[in-house]
Amino acid sequence: MEYSDFYEFNTGLMSDETNHCVQYFGIKNGEIIRLICCMSSDNEKNIKMEQRIVKSNKELYESYIKELKYFSLSVNNDVIYDSSIDKSKELPIKFDNDYFILYGKKYSYNGLKIQKINKK
């Protein structure tokens, strides 16, 4: 399953208010990361589990922002980038396996949050 399919499946389940994400996490094993999302259904009284294996932090974050038109990057709750106000044709961010670079500055993935921005 491609990450975009994993993302669409889980966000599709969330469009029904009777479904709830009860756990979403990743397990790193060597160079791969297994993403696991558990959704409970009030109607069906069960939990569905979906998983996706990504090869690295680089693949995970690149695939995630590719799906989003507008997004912000925060590190420890400080917004360091907002694509909705960036007029550049190319993203100023480069992902690597152990870190990412934004405007030439190297950042750790610790504390990184990527948030979708809804803009009309």
PDB file of N, CA and C in Angstrom:
ATOM      1  N   MET A   1       0.849  -1.176   0.000  1.00  0.00           N
ATOM      2  CA  MET A   1       0.000   0.000   0.000  1.00  0.00           C
ATOM      3  C   MET A   1       0.897   1.243   0.000  1.00  0.00           C
ATOM      4  N   GLU A   2       0.650   2.144  -0.921  1.00  0.00           N
ATOM      5  CA  GLU A   2       1.387   3.405  -0.954  1.00  0.00           C
ATOM      6  C   GLU A   2       0.966   4.272   0.232  1.00  0.00           C
ATOM      7  N   TYR A   3       1.838   5.193   0.636  1.00  0.00           N
ATOM      8  CA  TYR A   3       1.490   6.057   1.764  1.00  0.00           C
ATOM      9  C   TYR A   3       0.222   6.855   1.457  1.00  0.00           C
ATOM     10  N   SER A   4       0.082   7.320   0.218  1.00  0.00           N
ATOM     11  CA  SER A   4      -1.104   8.112  -0.127  1.00  0.00           C
ATOM     12  C   SER A   4      -2.380   7.280   0.044  1.00  0.00           C
ATOM     13  N   ASP A   5      -2.329   5.976  -0.278  1.00  0.00           N
ATOM     14  CA  ASP A   5      -3.486   5.098  -0.083  1.00  0.00           C
ATOM     15  C   ASP A   5      -3.763   4.903   1.410  1.00  0.00           C
ATOM     16  N   PHE A   6      -2.691   4.738   2.192  1.00  0.00           N
ATOM     17  CA  PHE A   6      -2.794   4.599   3.644  1.00  0.00           C
ATOM     18  C   PHE A   6      -3.446   5.854   4.234  1.00  0.00           C
ATOM     19  N   TYR A   7      -2.969   7.012   3.798  1.00  0.00           N
ATOM     20  CA  TYR A   7      -3.497   8.300   4.260  1.00  0.00           C
ATOM     21  C   TYR A   7      -4.979   8.447   3.888  1.00  0.00           C
ATOM     22  N   GLU A   8      -5.300   8.166   2.624  1.00  0.00           N
ATOM     23  CA  GLU A   8      -6.682   8.304   2.150  1.00  0.00           C
ATOM     24  C   GLU A   8      -7.618   7.341   2.874  1.00  0.00           C
ATOM     25  N   PHE A   9      -7.172   6.108   3.091  1.00  0.00           N
ATOM     26  CA  PHE A   9      -8.008   5.135   3.788  1.00  0.00           C
ATOM     27  C   PHE A   9      -8.351   5.626   5.189  1.00  0.00           C
ATOM     28  N   ASN A  10      -7.338   6.057   5.933  1.00  0.00           N
ATOM     29  CA  ASN A  10      -7.558   6.476   7.316  1.00  0.00           C
ATOM     30  C   ASN A  10      -8.333   7.782   7.420  1.00  0.00           C
ATOM     31  N   THR A  11      -8.042   8.759   6.572  1.00  0.00           N
ATOM     32  CA  THR A  11      -8.800  10.004   6.617  1.00  0.00           C
ATOM     33  C   THR A  11     -10.235   9.770   6.130  1.00  0.00           C
ATOM     34  N   GLY A  12     -10.404   8.812   5.215  1.00  0.00           N
ATOM     35  CA  GLY A  12     -11.752   8.448   4.766  1.00  0.00           C
ATOM     36  C   GLY A  12     -12.574   7.873   5.905  1.00  0.00           C
ATOM     37  N   LEU A  13     -11.961   7.013   6.720  1.00  0.00           N
ATOM     38  CA  LEU A  13     -12.658   6.477   7.888  1.00  0.00           C
ATOM     39  C   LEU A  13     -13.031   7.591   8.858  1.00  0.00           C
ATOM     40  N   MET A  14     -12.144   8.579   9.007  1.00  0.00           N
ATOM     41  CA  MET A  14     -12.395   9.675   9.945  1.00  0.00           C
ATOM     42  C   MET A  14     -13.522  10.593   9.485  1.00  0.00           C
ATOM     43  N   SER A  15     -13.889  10.522   8.207  1.00  0.00           N
ATOM     44  CA  SER A  15     -14.989  11.378   7.730  1.00  0.00           C
ATOM     45  C   SER A  15     -16.334  10.943   8.321  1.00  0.00           C
ATOM     46  N   ASP A  16     -16.396   9.713   8.818  1.00  0.00           N
ATOM     47  CA  ASP A  16     -17.590   9.223   9.510  1.00  0.00           C
ATOM     48  C   ASP A  16     -17.406   9.491  10.995  1.00  0.00           C
ATOM     49  N   GLU A  17     -18.283  10.300  11.573  1.00  0.00           N
ATOM     50  CA  GLU A  17     -18.107  10.703  12.971  1.00  0.00           C
ATOM     51  C   GLU A  17     -18.229   9.559  13.968  1.00  0.00           C
ATOM     52  N   THR A  18     -18.650   8.383  13.514  1.00  0.00           N
ATOM     53  CA  THR A  18     -18.715   7.231  14.422  1.00  0.00           C
ATOM     54  C   THR A  18     -17.369   6.498  14.494  1.00  0.00           C
ATOM     55  N   ASN A  19     -16.410   6.919  13.681  1.00  0.00           N
ATOM     56  CA  ASN A  19     -15.064   6.325  13.716  1.00  0.00           C
ATOM     57  C   ASN A  19     -14.113   7.260  14.452  1.00  0.00           C
ATOM     58  N   HIS A  20     -13.190   6.666  15.186  1.00  0.00           N
ATOM     59  CA  HIS A  20     -12.236   7.433  15.988  1.00  0.00           C
ATOM     60  C   HIS A  20     -10.849   6.807  15.882  1.00  0.00           C
ATOM     61  N   CYS A  21      -9.848   7.638  15.691  1.00  0.00           N
ATOM     62  CA  CYS A  21      -8.476   7.141  15.733  1.00  0.00           C
ATOM     63  C   CYS A  21      -8.101   6.945  17.199  1.00  0.00           C
ATOM     64  N   VAL A  22      -7.869   5.712  17.596  1.00  0.00           N
ATOM     65  CA  VAL A  22      -7.540   5.427  18.991  1.00  0.00           C
ATOM     66  C   VAL A  22      -6.036   5.335  19.203  1.00  0.00           C
ATOM     67  N   GLN A  23      -5.295   5.098  18.119  1.00  0.00           N
ATOM     68  CA  GLN A  23      -3.842   5.064  18.241  1.00  0.00           C
ATOM     69  C   GLN A  23      -3.227   5.179  16.860  1.00  0.00           C
ATOM     70  N   TYR A  24      -2.173   5.990  16.774  1.00  0.00           N
ATOM     71  CA  TYR A  24      -1.410   6.154  15.542  1.00  0.00           C
ATOM     72  C   TYR A  24       0.043   6.280  15.956  1.00  0.00           C
ATOM     73  N   PHE A  25       0.879   5.399  15.471  1.00  0.00           N
ATOM     74  CA  PHE A  25       2.274   5.425  15.886  1.00  0.00           C
ATOM     75  C   PHE A  25       3.151   4.782  14.828  1.00  0.00           C
ATOM     76  N   GLY A  26       4.440   4.933  15.002  1.00  0.00           N
ATOM     77  CA  GLY A  26       5.409   4.321  14.118  1.00  0.00           C
ATOM     78  C   GLY A  26       6.438   3.551  14.918  1.00  0.00           C
ATOM     79  N   ILE A  27       6.892   2.455  14.348  1.00  0.00           N
ATOM     80  CA  ILE A  27       7.935   1.640  14.965  1.00  0.00           C
ATOM     81  C   ILE A  27       9.109   1.592  13.996  1.00  0.00           C
ATOM     82  N   LYS A  28      10.265   2.048  14.458  1.00  0.00           N
ATOM     83  CA  LYS A  28      11.452   2.037  13.613  1.00  0.00           C
ATOM     84  C   LYS A  28      12.220   0.748  13.851  1.00  0.00           C
ATOM     85  N   ASN A  29      12.580   0.085  12.764  1.00  0.00           N
ATOM     86  CA  ASN A  29      13.367  -1.136  12.828  1.00  0.00           C
ATOM     87  C   ASN A  29      14.450  -1.036  11.765  1.00  0.00           C
ATOM     88  N   GLY A  30      15.632  -0.671  12.190  1.00  0.00           N
ATOM     89  CA  GLY A  30      16.711  -0.451  11.229  1.00  0.00           C
ATOM     90  C   GLY A  30      16.404   0.762  10.381  1.00  0.00           C
ATOM     91  N   GLU A  31      16.348   0.566   9.083  1.00  0.00           N
ATOM     92  CA  GLU A  31      16.094   1.676   8.158  1.00  0.00           C
ATOM     93  C   GLU A  31      14.623   1.834   7.792  1.00  0.00           C
ATOM     94  N   ILE A  32      13.758   0.935   8.273  1.00  0.00           N
ATOM     95  CA  ILE A  32      12.340   1.051   7.918  1.00  0.00           C
ATOM     96  C   ILE A  32      11.512   1.531   9.105  1.00  0.00           C
ATOM     97  N   ILE A  33      10.381   2.112   8.784  1.00  0.00           N
ATOM     98  CA  ILE A  33       9.428   2.558   9.799  1.00  0.00           C
ATOM     99  C   ILE A  33       8.079   1.934   9.456  1.00  0.00           C
ATOM    100  N   ARG A  34       7.491   1.252  10.417  1.00  0.00           N
ATOM    101  CA  ARG A  34       6.150   0.677  10.239  1.00  0.00           C
ATOM    102  C   ARG A  34       5.161   1.639  10.887  1.00  0.00           C
ATOM    103  N   LEU A  35       4.289   2.231  10.080  1.00  0.00           N
ATOM    104  CA  LEU A  35       3.239   3.114  10.580  1.00  0.00           C
ATOM    105  C   LEU A  35       2.001   2.283  10.849  1.00  0.00           C
ATOM    106  N   ILE A  36       1.395   2.484  12.003  1.00  0.00           N
ATOM    107  CA  ILE A  36       0.214   1.718  12.374  1.00  0.00           C
ATOM    108  C   ILE A  36      -0.868   2.684  12.836  1.00  0.00           C
ATOM    109  N   CYS A  37      -2.066   2.526  12.283  1.00  0.00           N
ATOM    110  CA  CYS A  37      -3.206   3.345  12.657  1.00  0.00           C
ATOM    111  C   CYS A  37      -4.347   2.422  13.078  1.00  0.00           C
ATOM    112  N   CYS A  38      -4.861   2.641  14.285  1.00  0.00           N
ATOM    113  CA  CYS A  38      -5.972   1.847  14.810  1.00  0.00           C
ATOM    114  C   CYS A  38      -7.204   2.738  14.913  1.00  0.00           C
ATOM    115  N   MET A  39      -8.280   2.309  14.272  1.00  0.00           N
ATOM    116  CA  MET A  39      -9.532   3.072  14.256  1.00  0.00           C
ATOM    117  C   MET A  39     -10.644   2.250  14.908  1.00  0.00           C
ATOM    118  N   SER A  40     -11.349   2.883  15.825  1.00  0.00           N
ATOM    119  CA  SER A  40     -12.509   2.198  16.417  1.00  0.00           C
ATOM    120  C   SER A  40     -13.766   2.676  15.705  1.00  0.00           C
ATOM    121  N   SER A  41     -14.745   1.783  15.657  1.00  0.00           N
ATOM    122  CA  SER A  41     -16.024   2.096  15.035  1.00  0.00           C
ATOM    123  C   SER A  41     -17.120   1.941  16.073  1.00  0.00           C
ATOM    124  N   ASP A  42     -17.827   3.031  16.365  1.00  0.00           N
ATOM    125  CA  ASP A  42     -18.948   2.957  17.303  1.00  0.00           C
ATOM    126  C   ASP A  42     -20.052   2.045  16.763  1.00  0.00           C
ATOM    127  N   ASN A  43     -20.274   2.081  15.454  1.00  0.00           N
ATOM    128  CA  ASN A  43     -21.339   1.285  14.845  1.00  0.00           C
ATOM    129  C   ASN A  43     -21.004  -0.210  14.816  1.00  0.00           C
ATOM    130  N   GLU A  44     -19.775  -0.522  14.408  1.00  0.00           N
ATOM    131  CA  GLU A  44     -19.389  -1.923  14.260  1.00  0.00           C
ATOM    132  C   GLU A  44     -18.821  -2.526  15.545  1.00  0.00           C
ATOM    133  N   LYS A  45     -18.537  -1.675  16.525  1.00  0.00           N
ATOM    134  CA  LYS A  45     -17.991  -2.133  17.811  1.00  0.00           C
ATOM    135  C   LYS A  45     -16.707  -2.950  17.616  1.00  0.00           C
ATOM    136  N   ASN A  46     -15.814  -2.413  16.773  1.00  0.00           N
ATOM    137  CA  ASN A  46     -14.543  -3.098  16.552  1.00  0.00           C
ATOM    138  C   ASN A  46     -13.439  -2.084  16.311  1.00  0.00           C
ATOM    139  N   ILE A  47     -12.229  -2.582  16.177  1.00  0.00           N
ATOM    140  CA  ILE A  47     -11.072  -1.739  15.873  1.00  0.00           C
ATOM    141  C   ILE A  47     -10.431  -2.275  14.602  1.00  0.00           C
ATOM    142  N   LYS A  48     -10.234  -1.376  13.638  1.00  0.00           N
ATOM    143  CA  LYS A  48      -9.554  -1.724  12.390  1.00  0.00           C
ATOM    144  C   LYS A  48      -8.122  -1.231  12.491  1.00  0.00           C
ATOM    145  N   MET A  49      -7.191  -2.057  12.037  1.00  0.00           N
ATOM    146  CA  MET A  49      -5.794  -1.661  12.061  1.00  0.00           C
ATOM    147  C   MET A  49      -5.253  -1.669  10.635  1.00  0.00           C
ATOM    148  N   GLU A  50      -4.651  -0.574  10.250  1.00  0.00           N
ATOM    149  CA  GLU A  50      -3.984  -0.475   8.958  1.00  0.00           C
ATOM    150  C   GLU A  50      -2.519  -0.152   9.215  1.00  0.00           C
ATOM    151  N   GLN A  51      -1.663  -0.649   8.349  1.00  0.00           N
ATOM    152  CA  GLN A  51      -0.247  -0.333   8.502  1.00  0.00           C
ATOM    153  C   GLN A  51       0.400  -0.094   7.151  1.00  0.00           C
ATOM    154  N   ARG A  52       1.481   0.622   7.203  1.00  0.00           N
ATOM    155  CA  ARG A  52       2.257   0.957   6.004  1.00  0.00           C
ATOM    156  C   ARG A  52       3.710   0.976   6.406  1.00  0.00           C
ATOM    157  N   ILE A  53       4.556   0.370   5.604  1.00  0.00           N
ATOM    158  CA  ILE A  53       5.991   0.396   5.871  1.00  0.00           C
ATOM    159  C   ILE A  53       6.620   1.454   4.976  1.00  0.00           C
ATOM    160  N   VAL A  54       7.362   2.350   5.581  1.00  0.00           N
ATOM    161  CA  VAL A  54       8.134   3.330   4.828  1.00  0.00           C
ATOM    162  C   VAL A  54       9.604   3.041   5.077  1.00  0.00           C
ATOM    163  N   LYS A  55      10.430   3.388   4.117  1.00  0.00           N
ATOM    164  CA  LYS A  55      11.834   3.017   4.204  1.00  0.00           C
ATOM    165  C   LYS A  55      12.668   3.941   5.076  1.00  0.00           C
ATOM    166  N   SER A  56      12.192   5.159   5.304  1.00  0.00           N
ATOM    167  CA  SER A  56      13.012   6.102   6.067  1.00  0.00           C
ATOM    168  C   SER A  56      12.174   7.319   6.451  1.00  0.00           C
ATOM    169  N   ASN A  57      12.726   8.145   7.357  1.00  0.00           N
ATOM    170  CA  ASN A  57      12.094   9.427   7.663  1.00  0.00           C
ATOM    171  C   ASN A  57      11.952  10.252   6.392  1.00  0.00           C
ATOM    172  N   LYS A  58      12.968  10.217   5.549  1.00  0.00           N
ATOM    173  CA  LYS A  58      12.966  10.978   4.300  1.00  0.00           C
ATOM    174  C   LYS A  58      11.740  10.609   3.458  1.00  0.00           C
ATOM    175  N   GLU A  59      11.520   9.317   3.234  1.00  0.00           N
ATOM    176  CA  GLU A  59      10.379   8.873   2.434  1.00  0.00           C
ATOM    177  C   GLU A  59       9.057   9.248   3.102  1.00  0.00           C
ATOM    178  N   LEU A  60       8.987   9.090   4.419  1.00  0.00           N
ATOM    179  CA  LEU A  60       7.764   9.398   5.147  1.00  0.00           C
ATOM    180  C   LEU A  60       7.376  10.868   4.989  1.00  0.00           C
ATOM    181  N   TYR A  61       8.298  11.778   5.307  1.00  0.00           N
ATOM    182  CA  TYR A  61       7.964  13.202   5.267  1.00  0.00           C
ATOM    183  C   TYR A  61       7.779  13.713   3.850  1.00  0.00           C
ATOM    184  N   GLU A  62       8.586  13.227   2.901  1.00  0.00           N
ATOM    185  CA  GLU A  62       8.404  13.652   1.512  1.00  0.00           C
ATOM    186  C   GLU A  62       7.031  13.237   0.989  1.00  0.00           C
ATOM    187  N   SER A  63       6.611  12.006   1.299  1.00  0.00           N
ATOM    188  CA  SER A  63       5.310  11.547   0.806  1.00  0.00           C
ATOM    189  C   SER A  63       4.173  12.287   1.493  1.00  0.00           C
ATOM    190  N   TYR A  64       4.359  12.628   2.756  1.00  0.00           N
ATOM    191  CA  TYR A  64       3.309  13.323   3.494  1.00  0.00           C
ATOM    192  C   TYR A  64       3.068  14.728   2.937  1.00  0.00           C
ATOM    193  N   ILE A  65       4.136  15.510   2.751  1.00  0.00           N
ATOM    194  CA  ILE A  65       3.911  16.881   2.267  1.00  0.00           C
ATOM    195  C   ILE A  65       3.509  16.912   0.800  1.00  0.00           C
ATOM    196  N   LYS A  66       3.837  15.850   0.062  1.00  0.00           N
ATOM    197  CA  LYS A  66       3.416  15.776  -1.337  1.00  0.00           C
ATOM    198  C   LYS A  66       1.890  15.755  -1.431  1.00  0.00           C
ATOM    199  N   GLU A  67       1.237  15.186  -0.424  1.00  0.00           N
ATOM    200  CA  GLU A  67      -0.225  15.081  -0.405  1.00  0.00           C
ATOM    201  C   GLU A  67      -0.902  16.407  -0.053  1.00  0.00           C
ATOM    202  N   LEU A  68      -0.159  17.326   0.551  1.00  0.00           N
ATOM    203  CA  LEU A  68      -0.752  18.558   1.067  1.00  0.00           C
ATOM    204  C   LEU A  68      -0.436  19.741   0.169  1.00  0.00           C
ATOM    205  N   LYS A  69      -1.436  20.559  -0.105  1.00  0.00           N
ATOM    206  CA  LYS A  69      -1.197  21.788  -0.861  1.00  0.00           C
ATOM    207  C   LYS A  69      -0.621  22.854   0.064  1.00  0.00           C
ATOM    208  N   TYR A  70      -1.233  23.001   1.228  1.00  0.00           N
ATOM    209  CA  TYR A  70      -0.759  23.975   2.212  1.00  0.00           C
ATOM    210  C   TYR A  70      -0.509  23.259   3.539  1.00  0.00           C
ATOM    211  N   PHE A  71       0.624  23.573   4.145  1.00  0.00           N
ATOM    212  CA  PHE A  71       0.977  22.944   5.416  1.00  0.00           C
ATOM    213  C   PHE A  71       1.940  23.845   6.179  1.00  0.00           C
ATOM    214  N   SER A  72       2.026  23.582   7.461  1.00  0.00           N
ATOM    215  CA  SER A  72       3.024  24.283   8.274  1.00  0.00           C
ATOM    216  C   SER A  72       3.919  23.251   8.930  1.00  0.00           C
ATOM    217  N   LEU A  73       5.152  23.668   9.203  1.00  0.00           N
ATOM    218  CA  LEU A  73       6.103  22.851   9.948  1.00  0.00           C
ATOM    219  C   LEU A  73       6.353  23.534  11.277  1.00  0.00           C
ATOM    220  N   SER A  74       6.248  22.771  12.348  1.00  0.00           N
ATOM    221  CA  SER A  74       6.536  23.290  13.686  1.00  0.00           C
ATOM    222  C   SER A  74       7.558  22.385  14.340  1.00  0.00           C
ATOM    223  N   VAL A  75       8.451  22.983  15.094  1.00  0.00           N
ATOM    224  CA  VAL A  75       9.383  22.227  15.918  1.00  0.00           C
ATOM    225  C   VAL A  75       9.170  22.699  17.342  1.00  0.00           C
ATOM    226  N   ASN A  76       8.795  21.763  18.200  1.00  0.00           N
ATOM    227  CA  ASN A  76       8.478  22.089  19.599  1.00  0.00           C
ATOM    228  C   ASN A  76       7.480  23.233  19.700  1.00  0.00           C
ATOM    229  N   ASN A  77       6.438  23.164  18.867  1.00  0.00           N
ATOM    230  CA  ASN A  77       5.321  24.115  18.826  1.00  0.00           C
ATOM    231  C   ASN A  77       5.673  25.508  18.293  1.00  0.00           C
ATOM    232  N   ASP A  78       6.879  25.697  17.766  1.00  0.00           N
ATOM    233  CA  ASP A  78       7.243  26.952  17.110  1.00  0.00           C
ATOM    234  C   ASP A  78       7.136  26.753  15.603  1.00  0.00           C
ATOM    235  N   VAL A  79       6.254  27.516  14.945  1.00  0.00           N
ATOM    236  CA  VAL A  79       6.100  27.394  13.492  1.00  0.00           C
ATOM    237  C   VAL A  79       7.357  27.934  12.826  1.00  0.00           C
ATOM    238  N   ILE A  80       7.992  27.068  12.019  1.00  0.00           N
ATOM    239  CA  ILE A  80       9.216  27.477  11.319  1.00  0.00           C
ATOM    240  C   ILE A  80       8.998  27.621   9.819  1.00  0.00           C
ATOM    241  N   TYR A  81       7.841  27.149   9.315  1.00  0.00           N
ATOM    242  CA  TYR A  81       7.547  27.269   7.887  1.00  0.00           C
ATOM    243  C   TYR A  81       6.043  27.185   7.677  1.00  0.00           C
ATOM    244  N   ASP A  82       5.531  28.016   6.761  1.00  0.00           N
ATOM    245  CA  ASP A  82       4.115  28.018   6.403  1.00  0.00           C
ATOM    246  C   ASP A  82       4.035  28.120   4.885  1.00  0.00           C
ATOM    247  N   SER A  83       3.651  27.013   4.241  1.00  0.00           N
ATOM    248  CA  SER A  83       3.628  27.004   2.771  1.00  0.00           C
ATOM    249  C   SER A  83       2.539  27.903   2.197  1.00  0.00           C
ATOM    250  N   SER A  84       1.532  28.243   3.006  1.00  0.00           N
ATOM    251  CA  SER A  84       0.447  29.083   2.489  1.00  0.00           C
ATOM    252  C   SER A  84       0.885  30.526   2.256  1.00  0.00           C
ATOM    253  N   ILE A  85       1.999  30.936   2.850  1.00  0.00           N
ATOM    254  CA  ILE A  85       2.491  32.300   2.622  1.00  0.00           C
ATOM    255  C   ILE A  85       3.809  32.314   1.843  1.00  0.00           C
ATOM    256  N   ASP A  86       4.343  31.137   1.539  1.00  0.00           N
ATOM    257  CA  ASP A  86       5.584  31.040   0.768  1.00  0.00           C
ATOM    258  C   ASP A  86       5.253  31.131  -0.715  1.00  0.00           C
ATOM    259  N   LYS A  87       5.855  32.060  -1.414  1.00  0.00           N
ATOM    260  CA  LYS A  87       5.592  32.270  -2.841  1.00  0.00           C
ATOM    261  C   LYS A  87       6.616  31.577  -3.735  1.00  0.00           C
ATOM    262  N   SER A  88       7.542  30.816  -3.141  1.00  0.00           N
ATOM    263  CA  SER A  88       8.572  30.119  -3.920  1.00  0.00           C
ATOM    264  C   SER A  88       7.943  29.024  -4.776  1.00  0.00           C
ATOM    265  N   LYS A  89       8.548  28.769  -5.931  1.00  0.00           N
ATOM    266  CA  LYS A  89       8.066  27.687  -6.783  1.00  0.00           C
ATOM    267  C   LYS A  89       8.553  26.333  -6.274  1.00  0.00           C
ATOM    268  N   GLU A  90       9.703  26.325  -5.616  1.00  0.00           N
ATOM    269  CA  GLU A  90      10.244  25.093  -5.055  1.00  0.00           C
ATOM    270  C   GLU A  90      10.237  25.179  -3.539  1.00  0.00           C
ATOM    271  N   LEU A  91       9.940  24.061  -2.906  1.00  0.00           N
ATOM    272  CA  LEU A  91       9.946  24.036  -1.441  1.00  0.00           C
ATOM    273  C   LEU A  91      11.367  24.227  -0.925  1.00  0.00           C
ATOM    274  N   PRO A  92      11.536  25.042   0.106  1.00  0.00           N
ATOM    275  CA  PRO A  92      12.871  25.296   0.659  1.00  0.00           C
ATOM    276  C   PRO A  92      13.294  24.232   1.674  1.00  0.00           C
ATOM    277  N   ILE A  93      12.670  23.058   1.600  1.00  0.00           N
ATOM    278  CA  ILE A  93      12.949  22.009   2.580  1.00  0.00           C
ATOM    279  C   ILE A  93      13.486  20.770   1.870  1.00  0.00           C
ATOM    280  N   LYS A  94      14.503  20.177   2.479  1.00  0.00           N
ATOM    281  CA  LYS A  94      15.092  18.940   1.973  1.00  0.00           C
ATOM    282  C   LYS A  94      15.144  17.955   3.129  1.00  0.00           C
ATOM    283  N   PHE A  95      14.612  16.762   2.894  1.00  0.00           N
ATOM    284  CA  PHE A  95      14.574  15.737   3.928  1.00  0.00           C
ATOM    285  C   PHE A  95      15.729  14.757   3.747  1.00  0.00           C
ATOM    286  N   ASP A  96      16.293  14.325   4.839  1.00  0.00           N
ATOM    287  CA  ASP A  96      17.302  13.277   4.866  1.00  0.00           C
ATOM    288  C   ASP A  96      16.808  12.231   5.853  1.00  0.00           C
ATOM    289  N   ASN A  97      17.535  11.136   6.010  1.00  0.00           N
ATOM    290  CA  ASN A  97      17.075  10.083   6.917  1.00  0.00           C
ATOM    291  C   ASN A  97      17.096  10.508   8.376  1.00  0.00           C
ATOM    292  N   ASP A  98      18.086  11.293   8.791  1.00  0.00           N
ATOM    293  CA  ASP A  98      18.230  11.631  10.207  1.00  0.00           C
ATOM    294  C   ASP A  98      17.923  13.087  10.549  1.00  0.00           C
ATOM    295  N   TYR A  99      17.681  13.914   9.558  1.00  0.00           N
ATOM    296  CA  TYR A  99      17.442  15.337   9.778  1.00  0.00           C
ATOM    297  C   TYR A  99      16.789  15.934   8.544  1.00  0.00           C
ATOM    298  N   PHE A 100      16.340  17.188   8.662  1.00  0.00           N
ATOM    299  CA  PHE A 100      15.865  17.905   7.487  1.00  0.00           C
ATOM    300  C   PHE A 100      16.506  19.290   7.488  1.00  0.00           C
ATOM    301  N   ILE A 101      16.556  19.891   6.312  1.00  0.00           N
ATOM    302  CA  ILE A 101      17.166  21.207   6.142  1.00  0.00           C
ATOM    303  C   ILE A 101      16.092  22.155   5.619  1.00  0.00           C
ATOM    304  N   LEU A 102      15.948  23.275   6.297  1.00  0.00           N
ATOM    305  CA  LEU A 102      14.996  24.312   5.898  1.00  0.00           C
ATOM    306  C   LEU A 102      15.761  25.617   5.810  1.00  0.00           C
ATOM    307  N   TYR A 103      15.724  26.226   4.629  1.00  0.00           N
ATOM    308  CA  TYR A 103      16.463  27.475   4.380  1.00  0.00           C
ATOM    309  C   TYR A 103      17.921  27.345   4.826  1.00  0.00           C
ATOM    310  N   GLY A 104      18.534  26.198   4.560  1.00  0.00           N
ATOM    311  CA  GLY A 104      19.947  26.000   4.863  1.00  0.00           C
ATOM    312  C   GLY A 104      20.259  25.627   6.306  1.00  0.00           C
ATOM    313  N   LYS A 105      19.251  25.619   7.179  1.00  0.00           N
ATOM    314  CA  LYS A 105      19.475  25.273   8.584  1.00  0.00           C
ATOM    315  C   LYS A 105      19.060  23.819   8.824  1.00  0.00           C
ATOM    316  N   LYS A 106      19.908  23.072   9.513  1.00  0.00           N
ATOM    317  CA  LYS A 106      19.651  21.660   9.795  1.00  0.00           C
ATOM    318  C   LYS A 106      18.811  21.517  11.063  1.00  0.00           C
ATOM    319  N   TYR A 107      17.775  20.671  10.995  1.00  0.00           N
ATOM    320  CA  TYR A 107      16.881  20.415  12.125  1.00  0.00           C
ATOM    321  C   TYR A 107      16.788  18.909  12.374  1.00  0.00           C
ATOM    322  N   SER A 108      16.590  18.538  13.617  1.00  0.00           N
ATOM    323  CA  SER A 108      16.302  17.156  14.000  1.00  0.00           C
ATOM    324  C   SER A 108      14.815  16.914  13.790  1.00  0.00           C
ATOM    325  N   TYR A 109      14.432  15.652  13.592  1.00  0.00           N
ATOM    326  CA  TYR A 109      13.016  15.315  13.484  1.00  0.00           C
ATOM    327  C   TYR A 109      12.322  15.343  14.847  1.00  0.00           C
ATOM    328  N   ASN A 110      13.081  15.358  15.926  1.00  0.00           N
ATOM    329  CA  ASN A 110      12.474  15.391  17.270  1.00  0.00           C
ATOM    330  C   ASN A 110      11.638  16.653  17.430  1.00  0.00           C
ATOM    331  N   GLY A 111      10.388  16.480  17.800  1.00  0.00           N
ATOM    332  CA  GLY A 111       9.495  17.617  18.016  1.00  0.00           C
ATOM    333  C   GLY A 111       8.873  18.172  16.755  1.00  0.00           C
ATOM    334  N   LEU A 112       9.133  17.544  15.580  1.00  0.00           N
ATOM    335  CA  LEU A 112       8.579  18.036  14.319  1.00  0.00           C
ATOM    336  C   LEU A 112       7.101  17.697  14.211  1.00  0.00           C
ATOM    337  N   LYS A 113       6.323  18.689  13.817  1.00  0.00           N
ATOM    338  CA  LYS A 113       4.895  18.492  13.558  1.00  0.00           C
ATOM    339  C   LYS A 113       4.572  19.107  12.215  1.00  0.00           C
ATOM    340  N   ILE A 114       3.910  18.349  11.369  1.00  0.00           N
ATOM    341  CA  ILE A 114       3.437  18.860  10.080  1.00  0.00           C
ATOM    342  C   ILE A 114       1.921  18.945  10.167  1.00  0.00           C
ATOM    343  N   GLN A 115       1.394  20.120   9.883  1.00  0.00           N
ATOM    344  CA  GLN A 115      -0.058  20.314  10.023  1.00  0.00           C
ATOM    345  C   GLN A 115      -0.624  20.840   8.708  1.00  0.00           C
ATOM    346  N   LYS A 116      -1.720  20.233   8.286  1.00  0.00           N
ATOM    347  CA  LYS A 116      -2.425  20.673   7.087  1.00  0.00           C
ATOM    348  C   LYS A 116      -3.062  22.033   7.368  1.00  0.00           C
ATOM    349  N   ILE A 117      -2.991  22.929   6.370  1.00  0.00           N
ATOM    350  CA  ILE A 117      -3.641  24.234   6.469  1.00  0.00           C
ATOM    351  C   ILE A 117      -4.777  24.241   5.458  1.00  0.00           C
ATOM    352  N   ASN A 118      -5.976  24.510   5.932  1.00  0.00           N
ATOM    353  CA  ASN A 118      -7.146  24.626   5.061  1.00  0.00           C
ATOM    354  C   ASN A 118      -7.262  26.066   4.597  1.00  0.00           C
ATOM    355  N   LYS A 119      -7.026  26.281   3.311  1.00  0.00           N
ATOM    356  CA  LYS A 119      -7.063  27.630   2.755  1.00  0.00           C
ATOM    357  C   LYS A 119      -7.905  27.587   1.498  1.00  0.00           C
ATOM    358  N   LYS A 120      -8.764  28.560   1.358  1.00  0.00           N
ATOM    359  CA  LYS A 120      -9.656  28.596   0.188  1.00  0.00           C
ATOM    360  C   LYS A 120      -9.055  29.388  -0.927  1.00  0.00           C
TER     361      LYS A 120
END
